[in-house]
Amino acid sequence: MYLVPIFGMGFFGWLSYLAYREKQLINKEKIALIEKGMDPSLIDSKPNNPPNSFKIGLLLIGAALGILFGFIVNLTLGIPNFVAYSIMIFVICGIVLIYFHKSKTE
């Protein structure tokens, strides 16, 4: 019963770390461009790069739907909590990310 909140906190911590790491890498790239005498605003103007907030938002919506469907699967099929929740979170998040990738390529 206590594994679901622990899994959720770990997932949130992992997402926070990824966001922090991305900001850190962008700052390093900007510093390298400044040292070479180039304009650091070149990094900010990537026309083909969709905003990450949309992808993260879709991922969080997928996680919420996964929790909901995991609850439904747990009630109807009697599968243990951790298995039902984790499988449904991964499946729904995967479907959402495939949708994002497909919409990005079209």
N, C-alpha and C. Protein backbone atom coordinates (compact mmCIF):
# COMPACT_ATOMS: atom_id res chain seq x y z
N MET A 1 0.82 -1.20 0.00
CA MET A 1 0.00 0.00 0.00
C MET A 1 0.87 1.26 0.00
N TYR A 2 2.00 1.20 0.68
CA TYR A 2 2.85 2.38 0.78
C TYR A 2 3.80 2.52 -0.40
N LEU A 3 3.83 1.54 -1.27
CA LEU A 3 4.76 1.60 -2.40
C LEU A 3 4.32 2.58 -3.48
N VAL A 4 3.04 2.80 -3.65
CA VAL A 4 2.56 3.71 -4.69
C VAL A 4 2.99 5.15 -4.41
N PRO A 5 2.82 5.70 -3.19
CA PRO A 5 3.32 7.06 -2.95
C PRO A 5 4.84 7.15 -3.06
N ILE A 6 5.54 6.11 -2.64
CA ILE A 6 6.99 6.13 -2.74
C ILE A 6 7.41 6.12 -4.21
N PHE A 7 6.73 5.32 -5.03
CA PHE A 7 7.00 5.31 -6.46
C PHE A 7 6.70 6.67 -7.08
N GLY A 8 5.60 7.30 -6.69
CA GLY A 8 5.24 8.62 -7.20
C GLY A 8 6.27 9.67 -6.82
N MET A 9 6.75 9.64 -5.59
CA MET A 9 7.77 10.60 -5.17
C MET A 9 9.07 10.37 -5.92
N GLY A 10 9.43 9.12 -6.14
CA GLY A 10 10.64 8.82 -6.90
C GLY A 10 10.53 9.30 -8.34
N PHE A 11 9.35 9.10 -8.93
CA PHE A 11 9.11 9.54 -10.30
C PHE A 11 9.19 11.07 -10.40
N PHE A 12 8.58 11.76 -9.45
CA PHE A 12 8.63 13.23 -9.43
C PHE A 12 10.07 13.72 -9.22
N GLY A 13 10.81 13.05 -8.35
CA GLY A 13 12.21 13.41 -8.15
C GLY A 13 13.03 13.20 -9.41
N TRP A 14 12.77 12.13 -10.13
CA TRP A 14 13.48 11.85 -11.37
C TRP A 14 13.18 12.92 -12.41
N LEU A 15 11.91 13.32 -12.54
CA LEU A 15 11.55 14.38 -13.48
C LEU A 15 12.19 15.70 -13.10
N SER A 16 12.25 15.99 -11.81
CA SER A 16 12.90 17.23 -11.36
C SER A 16 14.38 17.21 -11.69
N TYR A 17 15.02 16.07 -11.49
CA TYR A 17 16.44 15.95 -11.81
C TYR A 17 16.68 16.15 -13.30
N LEU A 18 15.82 15.58 -14.14
CA LEU A 18 15.97 15.75 -15.59
C LEU A 18 15.81 17.21 -16.00
N ALA A 19 14.87 17.92 -15.41
CA ALA A 19 14.68 19.33 -15.73
C ALA A 19 15.90 20.14 -15.29
N TYR A 20 16.43 19.84 -14.09
CA TYR A 20 17.61 20.53 -13.60
C TYR A 20 18.81 20.26 -14.51
N ARG A 21 18.96 19.02 -14.92
CA ARG A 21 20.09 18.64 -15.77
C ARG A 21 20.02 19.31 -17.14
N GLU A 22 18.82 19.44 -17.68
CA GLU A 22 18.66 20.10 -18.97
C GLU A 22 19.05 21.57 -18.87
N LYS A 23 18.61 22.25 -17.81
CA LYS A 23 18.99 23.66 -17.62
C LYS A 23 20.50 23.80 -17.48
N GLN A 24 21.12 22.87 -16.75
CA GLN A 24 22.56 22.92 -16.54
C GLN A 24 23.31 22.75 -17.87
N LEU A 25 22.87 21.84 -18.71
CA LEU A 25 23.52 21.62 -19.99
C LEU A 25 23.35 22.82 -20.93
N ILE A 26 22.18 23.44 -20.91
CA ILE A 26 21.97 24.62 -21.74
C ILE A 26 22.89 25.75 -21.29
N ASN A 27 23.05 25.92 -19.99
CA ASN A 27 23.95 26.96 -19.48
C ASN A 27 25.40 26.69 -19.89
N LYS A 28 25.81 25.43 -19.86
CA LYS A 28 27.17 25.10 -20.29
C LYS A 28 27.38 25.40 -21.77
N GLU A 29 26.36 25.10 -22.59
CA GLU A 29 26.46 25.40 -24.01
C GLU A 29 26.56 26.91 -24.25
N LYS A 30 25.79 27.68 -23.50
CA LYS A 30 25.84 29.14 -23.65
C LYS A 30 27.21 29.69 -23.23
N ILE A 31 27.77 29.17 -22.16
CA ILE A 31 29.09 29.61 -21.71
C ILE A 31 30.14 29.28 -22.76
N ALA A 32 30.03 28.09 -23.36
CA ALA A 32 30.99 27.71 -24.40
C ALA A 32 30.87 28.63 -25.62
N LEU A 33 29.66 29.02 -25.98
CA LEU A 33 29.47 29.93 -27.11
C LEU A 33 30.03 31.32 -26.80
N ILE A 34 29.84 31.78 -25.57
CA ILE A 34 30.38 33.09 -25.18
C ILE A 34 31.90 33.07 -25.21
N GLU A 35 32.50 31.98 -24.75
CA GLU A 35 33.96 31.88 -24.76
C GLU A 35 34.52 31.89 -26.18
N LYS A 36 33.77 31.37 -27.14
CA LYS A 36 34.23 31.36 -28.53
C LYS A 36 33.86 32.65 -29.27
N GLY A 37 33.18 33.57 -28.58
CA GLY A 37 32.82 34.84 -29.19
C GLY A 37 31.58 34.78 -30.04
N MET A 38 30.74 33.78 -29.84
CA MET A 38 29.51 33.63 -30.63
C MET A 38 28.32 34.15 -29.82
N ASP A 39 27.20 34.28 -30.48
CA ASP A 39 25.98 34.78 -29.84
C ASP A 39 25.27 33.64 -29.10
N PRO A 40 25.09 33.75 -27.78
CA PRO A 40 24.43 32.65 -27.05
C PRO A 40 22.93 32.54 -27.31
N SER A 41 22.34 33.52 -27.97
CA SER A 41 20.91 33.43 -28.25
C SER A 41 20.61 32.41 -29.36
N LEU A 42 21.66 31.86 -29.98
CA LEU A 42 21.46 30.84 -31.01
C LEU A 42 20.83 29.58 -30.42
N ILE A 43 21.10 29.31 -29.17
CA ILE A 43 20.55 28.11 -28.52
C ILE A 43 19.05 28.26 -28.32
N ASP A 44 18.60 29.48 -28.00
CA ASP A 44 17.18 29.68 -27.72
C ASP A 44 16.31 29.64 -28.96
N SER A 45 16.89 29.85 -30.13
CA SER A 45 16.10 29.90 -31.35
C SER A 45 16.23 28.61 -32.15
N LYS A 46 15.60 27.55 -31.66
CA LYS A 46 15.55 26.28 -32.37
C LYS A 46 14.14 26.12 -32.92
N PRO A 47 13.94 26.36 -34.22
CA PRO A 47 12.58 26.37 -34.75
C PRO A 47 11.90 25.00 -34.77
N ASN A 48 12.63 23.91 -34.91
CA ASN A 48 12.02 22.59 -35.02
C ASN A 48 11.87 21.88 -33.68
N ASN A 49 12.27 22.52 -32.59
CA ASN A 49 12.22 21.89 -31.28
C ASN A 49 10.94 22.31 -30.57
N PRO A 50 9.95 21.39 -30.40
CA PRO A 50 8.73 21.77 -29.70
C PRO A 50 9.02 22.01 -28.22
N PRO A 51 8.19 22.78 -27.56
CA PRO A 51 8.45 23.07 -26.14
C PRO A 51 8.35 21.80 -25.30
N ASN A 52 9.27 21.69 -24.35
CA ASN A 52 9.29 20.51 -23.48
C ASN A 52 8.12 20.51 -22.52
N SER A 53 7.56 21.68 -22.22
CA SER A 53 6.45 21.72 -21.28
C SER A 53 5.25 20.94 -21.81
N PHE A 54 5.06 20.94 -23.12
CA PHE A 54 3.96 20.18 -23.71
C PHE A 54 4.18 18.69 -23.51
N LYS A 55 5.42 18.23 -23.75
CA LYS A 55 5.72 16.80 -23.59
C LYS A 55 5.61 16.38 -22.12
N ILE A 56 6.09 17.20 -21.22
CA ILE A 56 6.01 16.88 -19.80
C ILE A 56 4.56 16.90 -19.34
N GLY A 57 3.78 17.85 -19.85
CA GLY A 57 2.36 17.89 -19.51
C GLY A 57 1.63 16.65 -19.97
N LEU A 58 1.92 16.22 -21.20
CA LEU A 58 1.30 14.98 -21.69
C LEU A 58 1.73 13.78 -20.85
N LEU A 59 2.99 13.76 -20.44
CA LEU A 59 3.49 12.65 -19.63
C LEU A 59 2.79 12.62 -18.27
N LEU A 60 2.58 13.77 -17.67
CA LEU A 60 1.90 13.82 -16.37
C LEU A 60 0.42 13.45 -16.51
N ILE A 61 -0.21 13.87 -17.59
CA ILE A 61 -1.59 13.45 -17.84
C ILE A 61 -1.65 11.93 -18.01
N GLY A 62 -0.67 11.37 -18.72
CA GLY A 62 -0.60 9.93 -18.88
C GLY A 62 -0.41 9.22 -17.55
N ALA A 63 0.41 9.79 -16.67
CA ALA A 63 0.61 9.19 -15.35
C ALA A 63 -0.68 9.22 -14.54
N ALA A 64 -1.41 10.33 -14.62
CA ALA A 64 -2.67 10.44 -13.89
C ALA A 64 -3.70 9.43 -14.42
N LEU A 65 -3.77 9.32 -15.75
CA LEU A 65 -4.70 8.33 -16.33
C LEU A 65 -4.26 6.91 -15.98
N GLY A 66 -2.94 6.69 -15.93
CA GLY A 66 -2.45 5.37 -15.54
C GLY A 66 -2.84 5.01 -14.12
N ILE A 67 -2.78 5.99 -13.21
CA ILE A 67 -3.20 5.74 -11.83
C ILE A 67 -4.69 5.43 -11.79
N LEU A 68 -5.48 6.18 -12.55
CA LEU A 68 -6.92 5.93 -12.59
C LEU A 68 -7.23 4.54 -13.14
N PHE A 69 -6.63 4.19 -14.28
CA PHE A 69 -6.88 2.88 -14.86
C PHE A 69 -6.30 1.77 -13.99
N GLY A 70 -5.19 2.03 -13.30
CA GLY A 70 -4.65 1.04 -12.38
C GLY A 70 -5.60 0.77 -11.24
N PHE A 71 -6.26 1.81 -10.76
CA PHE A 71 -7.26 1.64 -9.70
C PHE A 71 -8.42 0.80 -10.19
N ILE A 72 -8.87 1.08 -11.42
CA ILE A 72 -9.98 0.32 -11.99
C ILE A 72 -9.60 -1.14 -12.20
N VAL A 73 -8.38 -1.37 -12.71
CA VAL A 73 -7.91 -2.75 -12.91
C VAL A 73 -7.79 -3.47 -11.57
N ASN A 74 -7.30 -2.76 -10.56
CA ASN A 74 -7.15 -3.35 -9.23
C ASN A 74 -8.51 -3.77 -8.68
N LEU A 75 -9.52 -2.94 -8.86
CA LEU A 75 -10.85 -3.28 -8.33
C LEU A 75 -11.53 -4.40 -9.10
N THR A 76 -11.40 -4.37 -10.42
CA THR A 76 -12.15 -5.35 -11.22
C THR A 76 -11.46 -6.70 -11.30
N LEU A 77 -10.15 -6.72 -11.49
CA LEU A 77 -9.45 -7.99 -11.68
C LEU A 77 -8.79 -8.53 -10.43
N GLY A 78 -8.66 -7.70 -9.42
CA GLY A 78 -8.05 -8.15 -8.18
C GLY A 78 -6.54 -8.29 -8.25
N ILE A 79 -5.90 -7.65 -9.22
CA ILE A 79 -4.44 -7.67 -9.32
C ILE A 79 -3.88 -6.83 -8.18
N PRO A 80 -2.75 -7.22 -7.59
CA PRO A 80 -2.19 -6.43 -6.48
C PRO A 80 -1.94 -4.96 -6.87
N ASN A 81 -2.00 -4.09 -5.85
CA ASN A 81 -1.92 -2.64 -6.06
C ASN A 81 -0.70 -2.24 -6.88
N PHE A 82 0.48 -2.62 -6.43
CA PHE A 82 1.71 -2.15 -7.07
C PHE A 82 1.79 -2.58 -8.52
N VAL A 83 1.40 -3.80 -8.80
CA VAL A 83 1.46 -4.32 -10.17
C VAL A 83 0.47 -3.57 -11.05
N ALA A 84 -0.76 -3.41 -10.60
CA ALA A 84 -1.79 -2.75 -11.40
C ALA A 84 -1.41 -1.30 -11.68
N TYR A 85 -1.00 -0.58 -10.65
CA TYR A 85 -0.67 0.84 -10.82
C TYR A 85 0.55 1.03 -11.71
N SER A 86 1.61 0.28 -11.44
CA SER A 86 2.84 0.51 -12.20
C SER A 86 2.68 0.12 -13.66
N ILE A 87 2.01 -0.99 -13.93
CA ILE A 87 1.82 -1.40 -15.32
C ILE A 87 0.97 -0.38 -16.07
N MET A 88 -0.11 0.06 -15.48
CA MET A 88 -0.98 1.00 -16.17
C MET A 88 -0.31 2.37 -16.35
N ILE A 89 0.48 2.81 -15.39
CA ILE A 89 1.20 4.09 -15.54
C ILE A 89 2.16 3.99 -16.72
N PHE A 90 2.93 2.92 -16.79
CA PHE A 90 3.89 2.78 -17.89
C PHE A 90 3.19 2.65 -19.24
N VAL A 91 2.10 1.90 -19.30
CA VAL A 91 1.39 1.70 -20.56
C VAL A 91 0.79 3.02 -21.05
N ILE A 92 0.10 3.73 -20.19
CA ILE A 92 -0.55 4.98 -20.60
C ILE A 92 0.49 6.04 -20.94
N CYS A 93 1.56 6.15 -20.16
CA CYS A 93 2.62 7.11 -20.47
C CYS A 93 3.28 6.77 -21.81
N GLY A 94 3.47 5.50 -22.09
CA GLY A 94 4.03 5.10 -23.37
C GLY A 94 3.12 5.46 -24.52
N ILE A 95 1.82 5.26 -24.36
CA ILE A 95 0.87 5.62 -25.41
C ILE A 95 0.88 7.12 -25.65
N VAL A 96 0.94 7.90 -24.57
CA VAL A 96 0.95 9.36 -24.70
C VAL A 96 2.23 9.82 -25.40
N LEU A 97 3.36 9.24 -25.07
CA LEU A 97 4.61 9.66 -25.71
C LEU A 97 4.66 9.23 -27.18
N ILE A 98 4.06 8.08 -27.50
CA ILE A 98 3.97 7.68 -28.91
C ILE A 98 3.08 8.67 -29.66
N TYR A 99 1.98 9.08 -29.06
CA TYR A 99 1.11 10.08 -29.68
C TYR A 99 1.88 11.38 -29.90
N PHE A 100 2.66 11.80 -28.90
CA PHE A 100 3.45 13.04 -29.04
C PHE A 100 4.45 12.92 -30.18
N HIS A 101 5.14 11.79 -30.25
CA HIS A 101 6.14 11.60 -31.31
C HIS A 101 5.46 11.57 -32.68
N LYS A 102 4.32 10.93 -32.76
CA LYS A 102 3.61 10.85 -34.03
C LYS A 102 3.11 12.21 -34.47
N SER A 103 2.61 13.01 -33.54
CA SER A 103 2.11 14.34 -33.88
C SER A 103 3.27 15.28 -34.23
N LYS A 104 4.45 15.02 -33.68
CA LYS A 104 5.61 15.87 -33.97
C LYS A 104 6.13 15.60 -35.37
N THR A 105 6.07 14.35 -35.84
CA THR A 105 6.61 14.01 -37.15
C THR A 105 5.67 14.39 -38.29
N GLU A 106 4.39 14.58 -38.00
CA GLU A 106 3.43 14.93 -39.07
C GLU A 106 3.46 16.39 -39.40
